Amino acid sequence: MTDPNVAESPLLPSSVLDAFGVEGQAVRASEGMGTSFFVGNAVFKHVANEHQAQAVWCATVFDGLQVDGVRIPRPLSSRDGRYVVDGWAASEFVSGDTGPAGRWEQIMATSRALHKALLRIPCPGFIRQRVSPWATADRVAWDEVTIAPLEELRQPFERLNSIKQSIDHDPPQIIHADLAGNILFSDDLDPAVIDFSPSWRPAAYGDAIVVADGLVWYGGEESLIDLGGTTRDFLQLLVRALIFRLISFNELVRQKRLPYSDLEVGRFNSAIDRVVTRVTER
């Protein structure tokens, strides 16, 4: 979902390129939030003040992370050792194309390999302090806060809550909570994980978010649910993942960062129909 505020995104200053020791023409990335630039073999991304602690933490984690069968773009540091300079972070460019459709098995394998590698990373302090539509939605999905959704979204929200049950799950760990559209594929190369969105939840919840995104936005067939998992507990993680995405949309609409869309709600309802059927069959 693209934020309409991208027109206000800043330009990459030459002083930042100098600080990182990078030379070349800056070209704005056409995808994402409009805040990233390609410069030679580097990618620069603007980081708002409230997200800089997260950006530095992500860089320290990814700088030494090794994941079997997965490419990890290495963060770049400035000449004086900083990961963020004047609101900009940088990493090495990795080649590949997004396109989750038809690659769900690879995406699931990538998710599981990544989360295995992240298993022993401790929870950073900023996770509990984040304020954003996605942070609010995550807490709602896990019953840590309550919210009254917009009238237009009340019915799908109530449908999901009506089938949500308590579950047994693995202990929380660092996960990537937005993998489906953030894996790059290239012939003869391992998949590459980009745009790390850290969350502190069970590893299988990362898989559940992949399935939810596939069902809602990427035309995933019902068999995608089976690829994620067929147990009662996984289905309950999937219910929470759909709540997470629905309330994220709710908050973006509420804050006027996205327009309300009947088409978007229809996609959610279609995904919910499939999950309701699976939950009620068990």
C-alpha atoms as a PDB file:
ATOM      1  CA  MET A   1       0.000   0.000   0.000  1.00  0.00           C
ATOM      2  CA  THR A   2       1.599   3.255  -1.120  1.00  0.00           C
ATOM      3  CA  ASP A   3       1.424   6.303   1.113  1.00  0.00           C
ATOM      4  CA  PRO A   4       0.200   9.397  -0.789  1.00  0.00           C
ATOM      5  CA  ASN A   5       2.690  11.481   1.196  1.00  0.00           C
ATOM      6  CA  VAL A   6       5.528  10.218  -1.029  1.00  0.00           C
ATOM      7  CA  ALA A   7       5.382  13.464  -3.028  1.00  0.00           C
ATOM      8  CA  GLU A   8       6.761  15.193   0.089  1.00  0.00           C
ATOM      9  CA  SER A   9       9.646  12.754   0.538  1.00  0.00           C
ATOM     10  CA  PRO A  10      13.080  14.415   0.719  1.00  0.00           C
ATOM     11  CA  LEU A  11      15.793  14.361  -1.886  1.00  0.00           C
ATOM     12  CA  LEU A  12      19.048  12.591  -1.132  1.00  0.00           C
ATOM     13  CA  PRO A  13      21.674  15.281  -0.383  1.00  0.00           C
ATOM     14  CA  SER A  14      25.189  15.040  -1.742  1.00  0.00           C
ATOM     15  CA  SER A  15      26.574  15.547   1.773  1.00  0.00           C
ATOM     16  CA  VAL A  16      25.149  12.141   2.740  1.00  0.00           C
ATOM     17  CA  LEU A  17      26.813  10.483  -0.240  1.00  0.00           C
ATOM     18  CA  ASP A  18      30.077  12.080   0.793  1.00  0.00           C
ATOM     19  CA  ALA A  19      29.640  10.847   4.372  1.00  0.00           C
ATOM     20  CA  PHE A  20      29.209   7.264   3.146  1.00  0.00           C
ATOM     21  CA  GLY A  21      31.966   7.582   0.552  1.00  0.00           C
ATOM     22  CA  VAL A  22      29.589   6.793  -2.321  1.00  0.00           C
ATOM     23  CA  GLU A  23      29.730   8.430  -5.748  1.00  0.00           C
ATOM     24  CA  GLY A  24      27.190   8.398  -8.574  1.00  0.00           C
ATOM     25  CA  GLN A  25      23.850   9.659  -9.796  1.00  0.00           C
ATOM     26  CA  ALA A  26      20.970   9.260  -7.346  1.00  0.00           C
ATOM     27  CA  VAL A  27      17.884   7.663  -8.911  1.00  0.00           C
ATOM     28  CA  ARG A  28      14.658   7.502  -6.913  1.00  0.00           C
ATOM     29  CA  ALA A  29      13.274   3.976  -6.545  1.00  0.00           C
ATOM     30  CA  SER A  30       9.946   3.553  -8.316  1.00  0.00           C
ATOM     31  CA  GLU A  31       8.534   1.119  -5.748  1.00  0.00           C
ATOM     32  CA  GLY A  32       7.933   1.337  -2.022  1.00  0.00           C
ATOM     33  CA  MET A  33       7.233   4.571  -0.188  1.00  0.00           C
ATOM     34  CA  GLY A  34       9.197   6.827  -2.521  1.00  0.00           C
ATOM     35  CA  THR A  35      11.924   7.478   0.056  1.00  0.00           C
ATOM     36  CA  SER A  36      14.680   5.287  -1.399  1.00  0.00           C
ATOM     37  CA  PHE A  37      17.382   6.044  -3.962  1.00  0.00           C
ATOM     38  CA  PHE A  38      19.807   3.901  -5.941  1.00  0.00           C
ATOM     39  CA  VAL A  39      23.344   5.228  -6.194  1.00  0.00           C
ATOM     40  CA  GLY A  40      25.781   2.908  -7.929  1.00  0.00           C
ATOM     41  CA  ASN A  41      25.815  -0.336  -5.939  1.00  0.00           C
ATOM     42  CA  ALA A  42      24.182   1.235  -2.881  1.00  0.00           C
ATOM     43  CA  VAL A  43      20.602   1.874  -1.795  1.00  0.00           C
ATOM     44  CA  PHE A  44      19.819   4.886   0.402  1.00  0.00           C
ATOM     45  CA  LYS A  45      16.617   5.153   2.412  1.00  0.00           C
ATOM     46  CA  HIS A  46      15.304   8.127   4.337  1.00  0.00           C
ATOM     47  CA  VAL A  47      14.602   7.352   7.986  1.00  0.00           C
ATOM     48  CA  ALA A  48      12.279   9.535  10.065  1.00  0.00           C
ATOM     49  CA  ASN A  49      13.561  10.614  13.474  1.00  0.00           C
ATOM     50  CA  GLU A  50      11.251   8.257  15.347  1.00  0.00           C
ATOM     51  CA  HIS A  51      12.552   5.271  13.345  1.00  0.00           C
ATOM     52  CA  GLN A  52      16.286   5.920  13.533  1.00  0.00           C
ATOM     53  CA  ALA A  53      16.882   3.720  16.588  1.00  0.00           C
ATOM     54  CA  GLN A  54      15.206   0.878  14.682  1.00  0.00           C
ATOM     55  CA  ALA A  55      17.303   1.561  11.581  1.00  0.00           C
ATOM     56  CA  VAL A  56      20.540   1.431  13.571  1.00  0.00           C
ATOM     57  CA  TRP A  57      19.460  -1.760  15.334  1.00  0.00           C
ATOM     58  CA  CYS A  58      18.491  -3.440  12.044  1.00  0.00           C
ATOM     59  CA  ALA A  59      21.862  -2.517  10.575  1.00  0.00           C
ATOM     60  CA  THR A  60      23.765  -4.038  13.492  1.00  0.00           C
ATOM     61  CA  VAL A  61      21.727  -7.276  13.197  1.00  0.00           C
ATOM     62  CA  PHE A  62      22.025  -7.619   9.422  1.00  0.00           C
ATOM     63  CA  ASP A  63      25.691  -6.657   9.362  1.00  0.00           C
ATOM     64  CA  GLY A  64      26.734 -10.051  10.649  1.00  0.00           C
ATOM     65  CA  LEU A  65      23.691 -12.224   9.962  1.00  0.00           C
ATOM     66  CA  GLN A  66      24.285 -15.435   8.018  1.00  0.00           C
ATOM     67  CA  VAL A  67      21.244 -17.306   6.659  1.00  0.00           C
ATOM     68  CA  ASP A  68      21.600 -20.548   4.727  1.00  0.00           C
ATOM     69  CA  GLY A  69      20.164 -20.177   1.230  1.00  0.00           C
ATOM     70  CA  VAL A  70      19.273 -16.491   1.666  1.00  0.00           C
ATOM     71  CA  ARG A  71      21.035 -13.334   0.513  1.00  0.00           C
ATOM     72  CA  ILE A  72      21.180 -10.517   3.074  1.00  0.00           C
ATOM     73  CA  PRO A  73      21.973  -6.981   1.847  1.00  0.00           C
ATOM     74  CA  ARG A  74      24.780  -5.689   4.026  1.00  0.00           C
ATOM     75  CA  PRO A  75      24.307  -2.304   5.683  1.00  0.00           C
ATOM     76  CA  LEU A  76      26.804   0.416   4.853  1.00  0.00           C
ATOM     77  CA  SER A  77      28.364   2.655   7.466  1.00  0.00           C
ATOM     78  CA  SER A  78      29.674   6.169   7.048  1.00  0.00           C
ATOM     79  CA  ARG A  79      33.356   7.045   7.087  1.00  0.00           C
ATOM     80  CA  ASP A  80      33.063   7.692  10.834  1.00  0.00           C
ATOM     81  CA  GLY A  81      31.160   4.457  11.553  1.00  0.00           C
ATOM     82  CA  ARG A  82      27.546   5.661  11.680  1.00  0.00           C
ATOM     83  CA  TYR A  83      24.661   3.696  10.167  1.00  0.00           C
ATOM     84  CA  VAL A  84      22.383   6.750   9.918  1.00  0.00           C
ATOM     85  CA  VAL A  85      23.608  10.141   8.704  1.00  0.00           C
ATOM     86  CA  ASP A  86      21.287  13.155   8.650  1.00  0.00           C
ATOM     87  CA  GLY A  87      18.278  10.845   8.493  1.00  0.00           C
ATOM     88  CA  TRP A  88      19.638   8.509   5.800  1.00  0.00           C
ATOM     89  CA  ALA A  89      20.668   4.834   6.019  1.00  0.00           C
ATOM     90  CA  ALA A  90      22.376   2.840   3.284  1.00  0.00           C
ATOM     91  CA  SER A  91      22.885  -0.778   2.276  1.00  0.00           C
ATOM     92  CA  GLU A  92      24.413  -2.677  -0.589  1.00  0.00           C
ATOM     93  CA  PHE A  93      22.283  -3.166  -3.702  1.00  0.00           C
ATOM     94  CA  VAL A  94      21.029  -6.707  -4.278  1.00  0.00           C
ATOM     95  CA  SER A  95      19.593  -7.761  -7.620  1.00  0.00           C
ATOM     96  CA  GLY A  96      16.270  -9.453  -8.179  1.00  0.00           C
ATOM     97  CA  ASP A  97      12.583  -8.931  -8.776  1.00  0.00           C
ATOM     98  CA  THR A  98       9.657  -9.124  -6.415  1.00  0.00           C
ATOM     99  CA  GLY A  99       6.778 -11.310  -7.435  1.00  0.00           C
ATOM    100  CA  PRO A 100       5.428 -13.620  -4.776  1.00  0.00           C
ATOM    101  CA  ALA A 101       2.813 -15.216  -7.057  1.00  0.00           C
ATOM    102  CA  GLY A 102       4.001 -18.688  -7.964  1.00  0.00           C
ATOM    103  CA  ARG A 103       6.903 -18.567  -5.506  1.00  0.00           C
ATOM    104  CA  TRP A 104       5.115 -19.293  -2.264  1.00  0.00           C
ATOM    105  CA  GLU A 105       7.138 -22.403  -1.436  1.00  0.00           C
ATOM    106  CA  GLN A 106      10.361 -20.430  -1.826  1.00  0.00           C
ATOM    107  CA  ILE A 107       8.963 -17.611   0.275  1.00  0.00           C
ATOM    108  CA  MET A 108       7.968 -19.986   3.068  1.00  0.00           C
ATOM    109  CA  ALA A 109      11.383 -21.655   2.978  1.00  0.00           C
ATOM    110  CA  THR A 110      13.033 -18.227   3.120  1.00  0.00           C
ATOM    111  CA  SER A 111      10.823 -17.175   6.028  1.00  0.00           C
ATOM    112  CA  ARG A 112      11.696 -20.261   8.038  1.00  0.00           C
ATOM    113  CA  ALA A 113      15.428 -20.034   7.325  1.00  0.00           C
ATOM    114  CA  LEU A 114      15.497 -16.350   8.259  1.00  0.00           C
ATOM    115  CA  HIS A 115      13.577 -16.828  11.480  1.00  0.00           C
ATOM    116  CA  LYS A 116      15.775 -19.736  12.495  1.00  0.00           C
ATOM    117  CA  ALA A 117      18.796 -17.449  12.084  1.00  0.00           C
ATOM    118  CA  LEU A 118      17.096 -14.713  14.139  1.00  0.00           C
ATOM    119  CA  LEU A 119      16.070 -17.030  16.967  1.00  0.00           C
ATOM    120  CA  ARG A 120      18.534 -15.812  19.592  1.00  0.00           C
ATOM    121  CA  ILE A 121      18.410 -12.094  18.832  1.00  0.00           C
ATOM    122  CA  PRO A 122      17.085 -10.296  21.951  1.00  0.00           C
ATOM    123  CA  CYS A 123      14.069  -8.008  21.796  1.00  0.00           C
ATOM    124  CA  PRO A 124      15.120  -4.370  21.270  1.00  0.00           C
ATOM    125  CA  GLY A 125      13.585  -1.693  23.470  1.00  0.00           C
ATOM    126  CA  PHE A 126      12.036   0.295  20.617  1.00  0.00           C
ATOM    127  CA  ILE A 127       9.584  -2.526  19.790  1.00  0.00           C
ATOM    128  CA  ARG A 128       7.441  -1.742  22.849  1.00  0.00           C
ATOM    129  CA  GLN A 129       7.579   2.003  22.243  1.00  0.00           C
ATOM    130  CA  ARG A 130       6.633   2.202  18.577  1.00  0.00           C
ATOM    131  CA  VAL A 131       3.715   4.382  17.535  1.00  0.00           C
ATOM    132  CA  SER A 132       2.402   3.694  14.024  1.00  0.00           C
ATOM    133  CA  PRO A 133      -0.623   2.168  12.267  1.00  0.00           C
ATOM    134  CA  TRP A 134       1.246  -1.151  12.097  1.00  0.00           C
ATOM    135  CA  ALA A 135       2.258  -1.082  15.767  1.00  0.00           C
ATOM    136  CA  THR A 136      -1.334  -0.384  16.802  1.00  0.00           C
ATOM    137  CA  ALA A 137      -2.627  -3.155  14.551  1.00  0.00           C
ATOM    138  CA  ASP A 138      -0.095  -5.642  15.907  1.00  0.00           C
ATOM    139  CA  ARG A 139      -1.204  -4.947  19.476  1.00  0.00           C
ATOM    140  CA  VAL A 140      -4.881  -5.240  18.548  1.00  0.00           C
ATOM    141  CA  ALA A 141      -4.263  -8.594  16.857  1.00  0.00           C
ATOM    142  CA  TRP A 142      -2.668  -9.917  20.039  1.00  0.00           C
ATOM    143  CA  ASP A 143      -5.273  -8.461  22.433  1.00  0.00           C
ATOM    144  CA  GLU A 144      -2.825  -6.014  23.985  1.00  0.00           C
ATOM    145  CA  VAL A 145      -5.051  -3.031  23.172  1.00  0.00           C
ATOM    146  CA  THR A 146      -8.622  -2.622  21.961  1.00  0.00           C
ATOM    147  CA  ILE A 147      -9.893  -0.394  19.188  1.00  0.00           C
ATOM    148  CA  ALA A 148     -13.197   0.651  17.623  1.00  0.00           C
ATOM    149  CA  PRO A 149     -12.683   0.297  13.858  1.00  0.00           C
ATOM    150  CA  LEU A 150     -14.246   2.565  11.281  1.00  0.00           C
ATOM    151  CA  GLU A 151     -17.889   1.745  10.567  1.00  0.00           C
ATOM    152  CA  GLU A 152     -17.021   0.462   7.087  1.00  0.00           C
ATOM    153  CA  LEU A 153     -14.570  -2.057   8.550  1.00  0.00           C
ATOM    154  CA  ARG A 154     -16.529  -3.146  11.588  1.00  0.00           C
ATOM    155  CA  GLN A 155     -18.134  -6.199   9.979  1.00  0.00           C
ATOM    156  CA  PRO A 156     -14.905  -7.900   8.777  1.00  0.00           C
ATOM    157  CA  PHE A 157     -13.263  -7.047  12.101  1.00  0.00           C
ATOM    158  CA  GLU A 158     -16.126  -8.622  14.048  1.00  0.00           C
ATOM    159  CA  ARG A 159     -16.079 -11.698  11.807  1.00  0.00           C
ATOM    160  CA  LEU A 160     -12.421 -12.263  12.567  1.00  0.00           C
ATOM    161  CA  ASN A 161     -12.909 -11.712  16.287  1.00  0.00           C
ATOM    162  CA  SER A 162     -15.787 -14.183  16.311  1.00  0.00           C
ATOM    163  CA  ILE A 163     -13.435 -17.009  15.272  1.00  0.00           C
ATOM    164  CA  LYS A 164     -10.382 -15.910  17.260  1.00  0.00           C
ATOM    165  CA  GLN A 165      -9.476 -18.324  20.033  1.00  0.00           C
ATOM    166  CA  SER A 166      -6.634 -18.728  22.491  1.00  0.00           C
ATOM    167  CA  ILE A 167      -3.683 -20.699  21.175  1.00  0.00           C
ATOM    168  CA  ASP A 168      -0.513 -22.436  22.228  1.00  0.00           C
ATOM    169  CA  HIS A 169       2.482 -21.048  20.395  1.00  0.00           C
ATOM    170  CA  ASP A 170       6.254 -20.936  20.526  1.00  0.00           C
ATOM    171  CA  PRO A 171       7.904 -18.157  22.541  1.00  0.00           C
ATOM    172  CA  PRO A 172       8.186 -14.805  20.767  1.00  0.00           C
ATOM    173  CA  GLN A 173      11.315 -13.891  18.867  1.00  0.00           C
ATOM    174  CA  ILE A 174      12.399 -11.334  16.286  1.00  0.00           C
ATOM    175  CA  ILE A 175      10.527 -11.911  13.027  1.00  0.00           C
ATOM    176  CA  HIS A 176      10.193 -10.138   9.690  1.00  0.00           C
ATOM    177  CA  ALA A 177       6.540  -9.040   9.678  1.00  0.00           C
ATOM    178  CA  ASP A 178       6.337  -8.041   5.993  1.00  0.00           C
ATOM    179  CA  LEU A 179       8.070 -10.713   3.938  1.00  0.00           C
ATOM    180  CA  ALA A 180       5.675 -11.466   1.065  1.00  0.00           C
ATOM    181  CA  GLY A 181       6.590  -8.428  -1.040  1.00  0.00           C
ATOM    182  CA  ASN A 182      10.097  -8.004   0.309  1.00  0.00           C
ATOM    183  CA  ILE A 183      11.941 -10.974  -1.119  1.00  0.00           C
ATOM    184  CA  LEU A 184      13.855 -10.544  -4.366  1.00  0.00           C
ATOM    185  CA  PHE A 185      14.252 -13.428  -6.794  1.00  0.00           C
ATOM    186  CA  SER A 186      16.921 -13.768  -9.444  1.00  0.00           C
ATOM    187  CA  ASP A 187      17.931 -16.670 -11.680  1.00  0.00           C
ATOM    188  CA  ASP A 188      20.803 -18.725 -10.278  1.00  0.00           C
ATOM    189  CA  LEU A 189      20.885 -16.713  -7.037  1.00  0.00           C
ATOM    190  CA  ASP A 190      19.407 -17.339  -3.617  1.00  0.00           C
ATOM    191  CA  PRO A 191      16.402 -15.191  -2.690  1.00  0.00           C
ATOM    192  CA  ALA A 192      17.267 -11.887  -1.005  1.00  0.00           C
ATOM    193  CA  VAL A 193      15.406 -10.405   1.968  1.00  0.00           C
ATOM    194  CA  ILE A 194      14.982  -6.617   2.006  1.00  0.00           C
ATOM    195  CA  ASP A 195      13.185  -3.917   4.037  1.00  0.00           C
ATOM    196  CA  PHE A 196      13.330  -5.668   7.384  1.00  0.00           C
ATOM    197  CA  SER A 197      10.172  -4.987   9.454  1.00  0.00           C
ATOM    198  CA  PRO A 198      10.996  -6.363  12.905  1.00  0.00           C
ATOM    199  CA  SER A 199       8.348  -7.600  15.313  1.00  0.00           C
ATOM    200  CA  TRP A 200       8.467  -9.661  18.513  1.00  0.00           C
ATOM    201  CA  ARG A 201       6.109 -12.573  17.875  1.00  0.00           C
ATOM    202  CA  PRO A 202       6.272 -16.368  17.336  1.00  0.00           C
ATOM    203  CA  ALA A 203       8.195 -17.369  14.215  1.00  0.00           C
ATOM    204  CA  ALA A 204       5.125 -19.042  12.681  1.00  0.00           C
ATOM    205  CA  TYR A 205       3.318 -15.704  12.849  1.00  0.00           C
ATOM    206  CA  GLY A 206       5.716 -14.460  10.177  1.00  0.00           C
ATOM    207  CA  ASP A 207       4.504 -17.328   7.978  1.00  0.00           C
ATOM    208  CA  ALA A 208       0.895 -16.455   8.805  1.00  0.00           C
ATOM    209  CA  ILE A 209       1.397 -12.853   7.672  1.00  0.00           C
ATOM    210  CA  VAL A 210       2.819 -14.157   4.381  1.00  0.00           C
ATOM    211  CA  VAL A 211      -0.326 -16.273   3.903  1.00  0.00           C
ATOM    212  CA  ALA A 212      -2.628 -13.377   4.838  1.00  0.00           C
ATOM    213  CA  ASP A 213      -0.889 -11.053   2.379  1.00  0.00           C
ATOM    214  CA  GLY A 214      -1.033 -13.714  -0.316  1.00  0.00           C
ATOM    215  CA  LEU A 215      -4.770 -14.195   0.150  1.00  0.00           C
ATOM    216  CA  VAL A 216      -5.590 -10.476   0.325  1.00  0.00           C
ATOM    217  CA  TRP A 217      -3.258  -8.831  -2.174  1.00  0.00           C
ATOM    218  CA  TYR A 218      -1.451 -11.371  -4.320  1.00  0.00           C
ATOM    219  CA  GLY A 219      -4.198 -13.653  -5.593  1.00  0.00           C
ATOM    220  CA  GLY A 220      -3.085 -16.610  -3.516  1.00  0.00           C
ATOM    221  CA  GLU A 221      -5.166 -19.750  -3.831  1.00  0.00           C
ATOM    222  CA  GLU A 222      -6.661 -21.504  -0.818  1.00  0.00           C
ATOM    223  CA  SER A 223      -3.835 -24.052  -1.025  1.00  0.00           C
ATOM    224  CA  LEU A 224      -1.559 -21.291   0.285  1.00  0.00           C
ATOM    225  CA  ILE A 225      -3.155 -21.829   3.698  1.00  0.00           C
ATOM    226  CA  ASP A 226      -2.030 -25.464   3.654  1.00  0.00           C
ATOM    227  CA  LEU A 227       1.487 -24.373   2.732  1.00  0.00           C
ATOM    228  CA  GLY A 228       1.579 -22.216   5.834  1.00  0.00           C
ATOM    229  CA  GLY A 229       0.123 -24.837   8.134  1.00  0.00           C
ATOM    230  CA  THR A 230      -2.982 -26.893   8.758  1.00  0.00           C
ATOM    231  CA  THR A 231      -3.045 -27.057  12.553  1.00  0.00           C
ATOM    232  CA  ARG A 232      -5.603 -25.256  14.673  1.00  0.00           C
ATOM    233  CA  ASP A 233      -2.880 -23.071  16.150  1.00  0.00           C
ATOM    234  CA  PHE A 234      -1.591 -21.971  12.744  1.00  0.00           C
ATOM    235  CA  LEU A 235      -5.120 -21.071  11.640  1.00  0.00           C
ATOM    236  CA  GLN A 236      -5.418 -18.945  14.756  1.00  0.00           C
ATOM    237  CA  LEU A 237      -2.157 -17.225  13.891  1.00  0.00           C
ATOM    238  CA  LEU A 238      -3.637 -16.567  10.457  1.00  0.00           C
ATOM    239  CA  VAL A 239      -6.732 -15.019  12.054  1.00  0.00           C
ATOM    240  CA  ARG A 240      -4.419 -12.665  13.961  1.00  0.00           C
ATOM    241  CA  ALA A 241      -2.437 -11.883  10.818  1.00  0.00           C
ATOM    242  CA  LEU A 242      -5.619 -10.847   9.003  1.00  0.00           C
ATOM    243  CA  ILE A 243      -6.631  -8.667  11.950  1.00  0.00           C
ATOM    244  CA  PHE A 244      -3.169  -7.107  11.830  1.00  0.00           C
ATOM    245  CA  ARG A 245      -3.521  -6.221   8.152  1.00  0.00           C
ATOM    246  CA  LEU A 246      -7.156  -5.091   8.469  1.00  0.00           C
ATOM    247  CA  ILE A 247      -6.453  -2.762  11.385  1.00  0.00           C
ATOM    248  CA  SER A 248      -3.324  -1.428   9.669  1.00  0.00           C
ATOM    249  CA  PHE A 249      -5.570  -0.448   6.758  1.00  0.00           C
ATOM    250  CA  ASN A 250      -8.119   0.958   9.209  1.00  0.00           C
ATOM    251  CA  GLU A 251      -5.533   3.198  10.858  1.00  0.00           C
ATOM    252  CA  LEU A 252      -4.050   4.389   7.548  1.00  0.00           C
ATOM    253  CA  VAL A 253      -7.553   5.370   6.386  1.00  0.00           C
ATOM    254  CA  ARG A 254      -8.323   6.991   9.735  1.00  0.00           C
ATOM    255  CA  GLN A 255      -5.152   9.078   9.475  1.00  0.00           C
ATOM    256  CA  LYS A 256      -5.996   9.955   5.836  1.00  0.00           C
ATOM    257  CA  ARG A 257      -2.786   8.367   4.597  1.00  0.00           C
ATOM    258  CA  LEU A 258      -4.813   6.019   2.368  1.00  0.00           C
ATOM    259  CA  PRO A 259      -8.278   6.454   0.839  1.00  0.00           C
ATOM    260  CA  TYR A 260     -11.051   4.077   1.830  1.00  0.00           C
ATOM    261  CA  SER A 261     -11.627   1.438  -0.858  1.00  0.00           C
ATOM    262  CA  ASP A 262     -14.542  -0.965  -1.266  1.00  0.00           C
ATOM    263  CA  LEU A 263     -12.240  -3.070  -3.442  1.00  0.00           C
ATOM    264  CA  GLU A 264      -9.759  -3.385  -0.584  1.00  0.00           C
ATOM    265  CA  VAL A 265     -12.505  -4.406   1.839  1.00  0.00           C
ATOM    266  CA  GLY A 266     -13.760  -6.938  -0.693  1.00  0.00           C
ATOM    267  CA  ARG A 267     -10.300  -8.516  -0.793  1.00  0.00           C
ATOM    268  CA  PHE A 268     -10.283  -8.803   2.979  1.00  0.00           C
ATOM    269  CA  ASN A 269     -13.753 -10.350   2.999  1.00  0.00           C
ATOM    270  CA  SER A 270     -12.734 -12.917   0.383  1.00  0.00           C
ATOM    271  CA  ALA A 271      -9.710 -13.933   2.459  1.00  0.00           C
ATOM    272  CA  ILE A 272     -11.808 -14.036   5.626  1.00  0.00           C
ATOM    273  CA  ASP A 273     -14.352 -16.315   3.933  1.00  0.00           C
ATOM    274  CA  ARG A 274     -11.625 -18.874   3.252  1.00  0.00           C
ATOM    275  CA  VAL A 275     -10.250 -18.740   6.779  1.00  0.00           C
ATOM    276  CA  VAL A 276     -13.682 -18.890   8.420  1.00  0.00           C
ATOM    277  CA  THR A 277     -14.379 -22.070   6.458  1.00  0.00           C
ATOM    278  CA  ARG A 278     -11.129 -23.635   7.594  1.00  0.00           C
ATOM    279  CA  VAL A 279     -11.609 -22.671  11.247  1.00  0.00           C
ATOM    280  CA  THR A 280     -15.190 -23.879  11.440  1.00  0.00           C
ATOM    281  CA  GLU A 281     -14.284 -27.197   9.784  1.00  0.00           C
ATOM    282  CA  ARG A 282     -11.905 -28.104  12.615  1.00  0.00           C
END
